[in-house]
C-alpha atoms as a PDB file:
ATOM      1  CA  MET A   1      59.391  43.571   9.122  1.00  0.00           C
ATOM      2  CA  LYS A   2      57.707  41.761   6.160  1.00  0.00           C
ATOM      3  CA  HIS A   3      58.285  38.028   5.241  1.00  0.00           C
ATOM      4  CA  SER A   4      58.131  38.129   1.034  1.00  0.00           C
ATOM      5  CA  ILE A   5      56.772  34.874  -0.722  1.00  0.00           C
ATOM      6  CA  LEU A   6      60.607  33.491  -1.135  1.00  0.00           C
ATOM      7  CA  GLY A   7      61.033  33.754   2.611  1.00  0.00           C
ATOM      8  CA  PHE A   8      63.302  37.071   2.430  1.00  0.00           C
ATOM      9  CA  ILE A   9      62.436  39.808   4.787  1.00  0.00           C
ATOM     10  CA  GLU A  10      61.487  43.148   3.545  1.00  0.00           C
ATOM     11  CA  MET A  11      62.333  45.985   5.271  1.00  0.00           C
ATOM     12  CA  TYR A  12      61.003  49.623   4.610  1.00  0.00           C
ATOM     13  CA  SER A  13      62.998  52.544   5.453  1.00  0.00           C
ATOM     14  CA  HIS A  14      61.227  55.681   6.635  1.00  0.00           C
ATOM     15  CA  THR A  15      62.151  57.932   3.727  1.00  0.00           C
ATOM     16  CA  GLN A  16      59.412  55.819   1.798  1.00  0.00           C
ATOM     17  CA  SER A  17      56.315  57.916   1.476  1.00  0.00           C
ATOM     18  CA  SER A  18      52.654  57.390   0.672  1.00  0.00           C
ATOM     19  CA  SER A  19      50.625  59.016  -2.139  1.00  0.00           C
ATOM     20  CA  SER A  20      48.330  60.540   0.236  1.00  0.00           C
ATOM     21  CA  ASP A  21      51.571  62.013   1.943  1.00  0.00           C
ATOM     22  CA  ARG A  22      52.884  62.992  -1.473  1.00  0.00           C
ATOM     23  CA  ILE A  23      49.503  64.699  -2.251  1.00  0.00           C
ATOM     24  CA  LEU A  24      49.412  66.800   0.785  1.00  0.00           C
ATOM     25  CA  GLY A  25      53.204  67.707   0.417  1.00  0.00           C
ATOM     26  CA  ALA A  26      52.181  69.130  -3.099  1.00  0.00           C
ATOM     27  CA  SER A  27      48.898  70.785  -1.839  1.00  0.00           C
ATOM     28  CA  ILE A  28      51.054  72.307   0.721  1.00  0.00           C
ATOM     29  CA  ALA A  29      53.363  73.783  -1.492  1.00  0.00           C
ATOM     30  CA  GLY A  30      51.253  74.736  -3.757  1.00  0.00           C
ATOM     31  CA  PHE A  31      49.339  76.717  -1.327  1.00  0.00           C
ATOM     32  CA  SER A  32      52.666  78.625   0.116  1.00  0.00           C
ATOM     33  CA  ILE A  33      53.627  79.291  -3.582  1.00  0.00           C
ATOM     34  CA  LEU A  34      49.901  80.706  -4.070  1.00  0.00           C
ATOM     35  CA  ALA A  35      50.573  82.442  -0.551  1.00  0.00           C
ATOM     36  CA  VAL A  36      53.400  84.251  -1.561  1.00  0.00           C
ATOM     37  CA  GLY A  37      52.662  85.057  -4.777  1.00  0.00           C
ATOM     38  CA  PHE A  38      49.623  86.960  -2.922  1.00  0.00           C
ATOM     39  CA  SER A  39      51.316  88.548  -0.108  1.00  0.00           C
ATOM     40  CA  ALA A  40      54.251  89.885  -3.159  1.00  0.00           C
ATOM     41  CA  PHE A  41      50.975  91.494  -4.929  1.00  0.00           C
ATOM     42  CA  VAL A  42      49.845  93.124  -2.031  1.00  0.00           C
ATOM     43  CA  VAL A  43      52.992  94.784  -0.761  1.00  0.00           C
ATOM     44  CA  GLY A  44      53.618  96.006  -4.499  1.00  0.00           C
ATOM     45  CA  TYR A  45      50.354  97.364  -5.150  1.00  0.00           C
ATOM     46  CA  THR A  46      50.265  99.016  -2.049  1.00  0.00           C
ATOM     47  CA  LEU A  47      53.716 100.619  -2.477  1.00  0.00           C
ATOM     48  CA  THR A  48      52.806 101.588  -6.169  1.00  0.00           C
ATOM     49  CA  ARG A  49      49.608 103.170  -5.161  1.00  0.00           C
ATOM     50  CA  SER A  50      51.087 105.057  -2.347  1.00  0.00           C
ATOM     51  CA  SER A  51      54.131 106.484  -4.574  1.00  0.00           C
ATOM     52  CA  LEU A  52      51.247 107.718  -7.125  1.00  0.00           C
ATOM     53  CA  GLN A  53      49.398 109.008  -4.628  1.00  0.00           C
ATOM     54  CA  GLU A  54      52.301 110.757  -3.305  1.00  0.00           C
ATOM     55  CA  SER A  55      53.398 112.186  -7.076  1.00  0.00           C
ATOM     56  CA  ALA A  56      49.886 113.117  -7.279  1.00  0.00           C
ATOM     57  CA  VAL A  57      49.977 115.495  -4.219  1.00  0.00           C
ATOM     58  CA  ASN A  58      53.308 116.967  -5.653  1.00  0.00           C
ATOM     59  CA  ALA A  59      51.670 117.383  -9.258  1.00  0.00           C
ATOM     60  CA  ASN A  60      48.695 119.438  -8.041  1.00  0.00           C
ATOM     61  CA  ALA A  61      51.211 122.331  -6.375  1.00  0.00           C
ATOM     62  CA  VAL A  62      53.518 122.614  -9.573  1.00  0.00           C
ATOM     63  CA  VAL A  63      51.850 125.439 -12.210  1.00  0.00           C
ATOM     64  CA  HIS A  64      52.806 125.117 -15.746  1.00  0.00           C
ATOM     65  CA  GLU A  65      52.811 128.353 -17.935  1.00  0.00           C
ATOM     66  CA  GLY A  66      51.398 128.298 -21.347  1.00  0.00           C
ATOM     67  CA  VAL A  67      49.360 124.932 -20.067  1.00  0.00           C
ATOM     68  CA  ILE A  68      45.879 125.195 -21.226  1.00  0.00           C
ATOM     69  CA  PRO A  69      43.520 123.389 -18.502  1.00  0.00           C
ATOM     70  CA  HIS A  70      40.829 120.705 -19.131  1.00  0.00           C
ATOM     71  CA  GLU A  71      37.785 121.941 -20.981  1.00  0.00           C
ATOM     72  CA  GLY A  72      35.771 120.946 -17.892  1.00  0.00           C
ATOM     73  CA  THR A  73      37.190 123.694 -15.755  1.00  0.00           C
ATOM     74  CA  LEU A  74      37.436 126.021 -18.903  1.00  0.00           C
ATOM     75  CA  TRP A  75      33.282 126.049 -18.844  1.00  0.00           C
ATOM     76  CA  GLN A  76      32.858 125.682 -15.191  1.00  0.00           C
ATOM     77  CA  ASP A  77      31.934 129.260 -14.782  1.00  0.00           C
ATOM     78  CA  VAL A  78      29.526 129.767 -17.657  1.00  0.00           C
ATOM     79  CA  GLY A  79      26.816 128.113 -15.887  1.00  0.00           C
ATOM     80  CA  GLN A  80      26.755 129.942 -12.544  1.00  0.00           C
END
């Protein structure tokens, strides 16, 4: 308890926080937001890459009639 100039007793509640407590809380909240965002990015990136890799493997097995292959594959036997 503290006495003020006029003699009244000033009481502090436990809910009051200092500026360093606020800075620490904001820092922890900011770090948490970044950590969750980064984790979501990594999970999304990994799922997308695995999905694309799976579809690329399946796409190699499909042969379409009437489709001209890339010109690099058309000329590969010329130099041999």
